[in-house]
Amino acid sequence: MTSVAASADANFNDSATPAGLGESTRVEFAALLSGCAIYDLSGQAKLAITGGDRVRWLNGMISNNVRDLARNQGVYSFVLNAQGRIQADLYAFQRGESLLVETESGQREKVLQLFDRYIIADDVEITDLTELLSSIGLTGSKAREVLEGSGIVVPEFTGLQFVETRWREIPITVVRSEEELGDSWRVWIEHEHRDQLWQELGRQCGLPVSAEALNAFRISRGIPQFGVDIRDRDLPQETGQNRALSFTKGCYLGQEIVERIRSRGAVHRQFGAFEVSGPLPEAGTKIVAGEKQVGEVTSCAVLPFADGDRSVALGYLRREAAGKELVAGAAKLTVASLPVIRASDGSE
């Protein structure tokens, strides 16, 4: 999950990209890289966790460290089952008097069911704020400038830090998105005031972006999407998202499997990116080396850089296949580094 991929207007389960990209998509993708693009995140689910046991309880439920979170700081995390398989992904934010969990709307019911199952005799209460809080995303090198031009003071933040402040006397929360997204922010605001803020940011920024451009940007950063690139059969270390794991916090659901994988030093397959030569493969296409299946494509897109399009896929590859000639359908694949950059000058 990312604050980009979770746009309420986006549906990334159909991750095949048309061969022809419209001019609007090219402009939007450029804005996500070096301008400012805004997008609706109102469909994200938000759950407030209160009660005296909230920190201890959530720390035992998710794969990252909530116990040592400073106030106004968040973490990305997985929810695992007892076999160590990923059941959901989410962000957890320390708000002092409560914890706030943010996840994609499609995972809301599953997360609530998992949480409810493990509240036994704990002093924990979960309140669904999804219908009360809206969220707007901004990404691009000018995103901070747009926020400040709209009257929102933005402190110097690292990834997943946030501040509760006011905009035109309306309470808002400004969150710096994870470092992997570059200069990217989201603003939480009460739903009744959402349109007012959207219009003001639109005047400053002027470019709402489509699901296609957001998906291309996500793929360029190599960030997996739950339900598309991460499935409930996958193990945490296979996804390469070690930012979702703590190896020092003690016991949590699925921790024994995660620690066993860590102690053995490797998993059999790894999530990564591929340059595509030939027709763009569909999600689900098997990756073949020789006559042996060695992986699978999970997402793909044409990245419309100013100096030329680049076809890129995300997916899983068995470790022993690294360095071999790879094909997926009628396309040839080459392992790529992340994030995917402009071909001409090596800069993002």
Foldseek 3Di string as FASTA:
>chain_A
DFLLLQFPQADCQQFDDDPDDDPLLLVQLVCQAANKAKTWNLQKWKKKKAFPCRQVLVCQFWFDHSPPDDAQAKAKTFGAAQQQFGDAIWMWHHHPRIIMIIGHNVCVVVVVVSSVVPPDVGGMDMDICSLFKIKMKMHHPCRQVLCVVLVHDDDDDAARGKDWDDRVNFTKIKHQHHPLSPRMIMMIGTPVCVVVVVVSSCVSRVHHHHNQSSQLSCVLSQHDDEPQAGDRRDHPVQAVPCSRHDPPNDHHRSNVVVVVCVVVPDDFKHKAKKWKDDDAAGFQFFKDFPHDGFWTWRHWHWNNDPVGTTTMTIIMGGPVCQPTWIDTVPITIHTDDPNHDDPPPPDD
